[in-house]
Amino acid sequence: MFEPVVFHVLAEAGPGLLSRLLQPFAKRDLVPDEVLARRESDMMHTRLAMTSMPAEMVHLVEGNLRQVIGVLAVEREEARRAAA
């Protein structure tokens, strides 16, 4: 089963942050459909979205994102709600 998902990540801006945020996807052979990043002072706001992620991987990817060095918060929402 697949489901749409959007992760909103708040992290300390720094070299290598974006590649570390993509690692949980890459190690599962997943490619996000959307990656948006915006720096505000010393913080980075990032949106990582997939329209169809295997349901069993959603919690794994979310957990890995929370473990990335510099990440302060991760929020998850369904992509359908994000588009509304």
N, C-alpha and C. Protein backbone atom coordinates (compact mmCIF):
# COMPACT_ATOMS: atom_id res chain seq x y z
N MET A 1 0.84 -1.18 0.00
CA MET A 1 0.00 0.00 0.00
C MET A 1 0.89 1.25 0.00
N PHE A 2 0.44 2.26 -0.71
CA PHE A 2 1.19 3.51 -0.82
C PHE A 2 0.35 4.65 -0.27
N GLU A 3 1.02 5.69 0.19
CA GLU A 3 0.29 6.86 0.67
C GLU A 3 1.08 8.13 0.38
N PRO A 4 0.36 9.23 0.17
CA PRO A 4 1.03 10.52 -0.01
C PRO A 4 1.52 11.03 1.34
N VAL A 5 2.67 11.67 1.34
CA VAL A 5 3.22 12.18 2.60
C VAL A 5 4.06 13.42 2.34
N VAL A 6 4.01 14.33 3.32
CA VAL A 6 4.85 15.54 3.29
C VAL A 6 5.51 15.66 4.65
N PHE A 7 6.82 15.83 4.65
CA PHE A 7 7.56 16.08 5.89
C PHE A 7 8.00 17.53 5.90
N HIS A 8 7.74 18.22 6.99
CA HIS A 8 8.23 19.58 7.20
C HIS A 8 9.33 19.47 8.26
N VAL A 9 10.52 19.91 7.90
CA VAL A 9 11.67 19.77 8.79
C VAL A 9 12.23 21.14 9.13
N LEU A 10 12.44 21.37 10.41
CA LEU A 10 13.11 22.58 10.89
C LEU A 10 14.46 22.16 11.44
N ALA A 11 15.52 22.76 10.93
CA ALA A 11 16.87 22.37 11.34
C ALA A 11 17.80 23.57 11.35
N GLU A 12 18.91 23.40 12.04
CA GLU A 12 19.96 24.40 12.02
C GLU A 12 20.62 24.36 10.65
N ALA A 13 20.74 25.50 9.99
CA ALA A 13 21.37 25.54 8.67
C ALA A 13 22.86 25.22 8.80
N GLY A 14 23.34 24.43 7.87
CA GLY A 14 24.76 24.10 7.90
C GLY A 14 25.14 23.29 6.68
N PRO A 15 26.44 23.22 6.40
CA PRO A 15 26.92 22.44 5.26
C PRO A 15 26.50 20.98 5.39
N GLY A 16 26.02 20.42 4.33
CA GLY A 16 25.66 19.01 4.32
C GLY A 16 24.28 18.69 4.83
N LEU A 17 23.54 19.69 5.34
CA LEU A 17 22.21 19.41 5.90
C LEU A 17 21.29 18.78 4.86
N LEU A 18 21.20 19.38 3.69
CA LEU A 18 20.25 18.89 2.70
C LEU A 18 20.57 17.46 2.26
N SER A 19 21.84 17.16 2.08
CA SER A 19 22.19 15.78 1.69
C SER A 19 21.87 14.80 2.82
N ARG A 20 22.03 15.22 4.07
CA ARG A 20 21.67 14.34 5.20
C ARG A 20 20.17 14.13 5.27
N LEU A 21 19.38 15.13 4.88
CA LEU A 21 17.92 14.97 4.89
C LEU A 21 17.44 14.04 3.78
N LEU A 22 18.19 13.97 2.68
CA LEU A 22 17.81 13.08 1.58
C LEU A 22 18.26 11.64 1.81
N GLN A 23 19.20 11.43 2.70
CA GLN A 23 19.75 10.09 2.95
C GLN A 23 18.68 9.06 3.33
N PRO A 24 17.71 9.37 4.22
CA PRO A 24 16.70 8.36 4.55
C PRO A 24 15.88 7.89 3.35
N PHE A 25 15.71 8.76 2.37
CA PHE A 25 15.01 8.39 1.14
C PHE A 25 15.92 7.53 0.27
N ALA A 26 17.15 7.99 0.06
CA ALA A 26 18.09 7.32 -0.84
C ALA A 26 18.40 5.89 -0.41
N LYS A 27 18.55 5.67 0.90
CA LYS A 27 18.91 4.32 1.33
C LYS A 27 17.76 3.33 1.18
N ARG A 28 16.56 3.84 0.88
CA ARG A 28 15.41 2.98 0.61
C ARG A 28 14.99 3.03 -0.86
N ASP A 29 15.87 3.56 -1.70
CA ASP A 29 15.62 3.70 -3.14
C ASP A 29 14.37 4.53 -3.42
N LEU A 30 14.16 5.57 -2.63
CA LEU A 30 13.04 6.49 -2.82
C LEU A 30 13.56 7.84 -3.30
N VAL A 31 12.79 8.49 -4.16
CA VAL A 31 13.14 9.83 -4.64
C VAL A 31 11.96 10.74 -4.34
N PRO A 32 12.16 11.78 -3.50
CA PRO A 32 11.05 12.70 -3.22
C PRO A 32 10.57 13.36 -4.49
N ASP A 33 9.26 13.61 -4.57
CA ASP A 33 8.69 14.32 -5.71
C ASP A 33 8.92 15.82 -5.58
N GLU A 34 9.13 16.27 -4.36
CA GLU A 34 9.33 17.70 -4.13
C GLU A 34 10.28 17.90 -2.97
N VAL A 35 11.24 18.80 -3.16
CA VAL A 35 12.15 19.21 -2.10
C VAL A 35 12.24 20.73 -2.16
N LEU A 36 11.77 21.37 -1.11
CA LEU A 36 11.85 22.84 -1.02
C LEU A 36 12.60 23.19 0.25
N ALA A 37 13.57 24.07 0.14
CA ALA A 37 14.34 24.49 1.31
C ALA A 37 14.46 26.00 1.31
N ARG A 38 14.29 26.56 2.49
CA ARG A 38 14.37 28.01 2.66
C ARG A 38 15.17 28.30 3.93
N ARG A 39 16.20 29.11 3.78
CA ARG A 39 17.01 29.49 4.93
C ARG A 39 16.51 30.81 5.50
N GLU A 40 16.36 30.84 6.80
CA GLU A 40 16.00 32.06 7.51
C GLU A 40 17.00 32.22 8.65
N SER A 41 17.93 33.15 8.48
CA SER A 41 19.00 33.37 9.45
C SER A 41 19.80 32.08 9.61
N ASP A 42 19.83 31.51 10.81
CA ASP A 42 20.60 30.29 11.02
C ASP A 42 19.74 29.03 11.03
N MET A 43 18.49 29.15 10.56
CA MET A 43 17.58 28.00 10.50
C MET A 43 17.23 27.67 9.05
N MET A 44 16.93 26.39 8.81
CA MET A 44 16.52 25.93 7.49
C MET A 44 15.15 25.26 7.62
N HIS A 45 14.20 25.72 6.80
CA HIS A 45 12.88 25.13 6.72
C HIS A 45 12.85 24.29 5.44
N THR A 46 12.55 23.02 5.57
CA THR A 46 12.58 22.12 4.41
C THR A 46 11.28 21.34 4.32
N ARG A 47 10.79 21.21 3.09
CA ARG A 47 9.58 20.42 2.80
C ARG A 47 10.00 19.30 1.86
N LEU A 48 9.74 18.06 2.26
CA LEU A 48 10.07 16.88 1.46
C LEU A 48 8.77 16.13 1.24
N ALA A 49 8.37 15.97 -0.03
CA ALA A 49 7.06 15.37 -0.32
C ALA A 49 7.18 14.23 -1.31
N MET A 50 6.30 13.23 -1.10
CA MET A 50 6.14 12.13 -2.04
C MET A 50 4.65 11.90 -2.23
N THR A 51 4.25 11.75 -3.47
CA THR A 51 2.83 11.49 -3.74
C THR A 51 2.47 10.03 -3.50
N SER A 52 3.48 9.16 -3.46
CA SER A 52 3.20 7.74 -3.29
C SER A 52 4.38 7.04 -2.61
N MET A 53 4.40 7.05 -1.27
CA MET A 53 5.46 6.39 -0.52
C MET A 53 4.91 5.07 0.03
N PRO A 54 5.70 3.99 -0.03
CA PRO A 54 5.25 2.75 0.58
C PRO A 54 4.90 2.99 2.05
N ALA A 55 3.71 2.59 2.44
CA ALA A 55 3.20 2.89 3.78
C ALA A 55 4.13 2.39 4.89
N GLU A 56 4.77 1.24 4.67
CA GLU A 56 5.64 0.69 5.71
C GLU A 56 6.93 1.49 5.89
N MET A 57 7.22 2.40 4.97
CA MET A 57 8.45 3.19 5.06
C MET A 57 8.23 4.57 5.66
N VAL A 58 6.99 5.02 5.76
CA VAL A 58 6.71 6.37 6.24
C VAL A 58 7.30 6.60 7.62
N HIS A 59 7.03 5.71 8.56
CA HIS A 59 7.53 5.89 9.92
C HIS A 59 9.04 5.72 10.00
N LEU A 60 9.60 4.86 9.15
CA LEU A 60 11.05 4.68 9.13
C LEU A 60 11.75 5.95 8.66
N VAL A 61 11.26 6.53 7.57
CA VAL A 61 11.86 7.76 7.04
C VAL A 61 11.68 8.89 8.07
N GLU A 62 10.50 9.00 8.64
CA GLU A 62 10.26 10.04 9.65
C GLU A 62 11.23 9.89 10.82
N GLY A 63 11.41 8.69 11.30
CA GLY A 63 12.33 8.46 12.41
C GLY A 63 13.76 8.81 12.05
N ASN A 64 14.18 8.46 10.84
CA ASN A 64 15.53 8.80 10.39
C ASN A 64 15.72 10.30 10.27
N LEU A 65 14.69 11.01 9.78
CA LEU A 65 14.79 12.47 9.67
C LEU A 65 14.98 13.10 11.05
N ARG A 66 14.29 12.57 12.05
CA ARG A 66 14.40 13.10 13.42
C ARG A 66 15.80 12.89 14.00
N GLN A 67 16.54 11.90 13.49
CA GLN A 67 17.88 11.60 13.99
C GLN A 67 18.99 12.38 13.29
N VAL A 68 18.66 13.11 12.24
CA VAL A 68 19.68 13.87 11.51
C VAL A 68 20.24 14.97 12.42
N ILE A 69 21.54 15.08 12.44
CA ILE A 69 22.21 16.10 13.26
C ILE A 69 21.72 17.49 12.84
N GLY A 70 21.30 18.28 13.80
CA GLY A 70 20.84 19.64 13.56
C GLY A 70 19.34 19.77 13.42
N VAL A 71 18.63 18.66 13.27
CA VAL A 71 17.16 18.72 13.12
C VAL A 71 16.53 19.00 14.47
N LEU A 72 15.66 20.00 14.49
CA LEU A 72 14.96 20.40 15.72
C LEU A 72 13.54 19.90 15.76
N ALA A 73 12.88 19.77 14.59
CA ALA A 73 11.49 19.34 14.55
C ALA A 73 11.17 18.72 13.19
N VAL A 74 10.31 17.70 13.23
CA VAL A 74 9.80 17.07 12.02
C VAL A 74 8.29 16.93 12.19
N GLU A 75 7.55 17.45 11.22
CA GLU A 75 6.10 17.29 11.22
C GLU A 75 5.71 16.58 9.95
N ARG A 76 4.73 15.68 10.06
CA ARG A 76 4.30 14.91 8.89
C ARG A 76 2.82 15.21 8.63
N GLU A 77 2.49 15.30 7.34
CA GLU A 77 1.10 15.47 6.95
C GLU A 77 0.85 14.71 5.66
N GLU A 78 -0.39 14.45 5.38
CA GLU A 78 -0.74 13.82 4.11
C GLU A 78 -0.60 14.86 3.01
N ALA A 79 -0.10 14.45 1.86
CA ALA A 79 0.11 15.38 0.73
C ALA A 79 -1.21 16.01 0.28
N ARG A 80 -2.30 15.27 0.37
CA ARG A 80 -3.59 15.81 -0.07
C ARG A 80 -3.97 17.05 0.74
N ARG A 81 -3.75 16.99 2.06
CA ARG A 81 -4.06 18.14 2.92
C ARG A 81 -3.14 19.31 2.60
N ALA A 82 -1.88 19.02 2.29
CA ALA A 82 -0.90 20.07 2.00
C ALA A 82 -1.25 20.81 0.72
N ALA A 83 -1.86 20.12 -0.23
CA ALA A 83 -2.20 20.74 -1.50
C ALA A 83 -3.46 21.61 -1.40
N ALA A 84 -4.27 21.36 -0.37
CA ALA A 84 -5.52 22.11 -0.23
C ALA A 84 -5.30 23.52 0.24
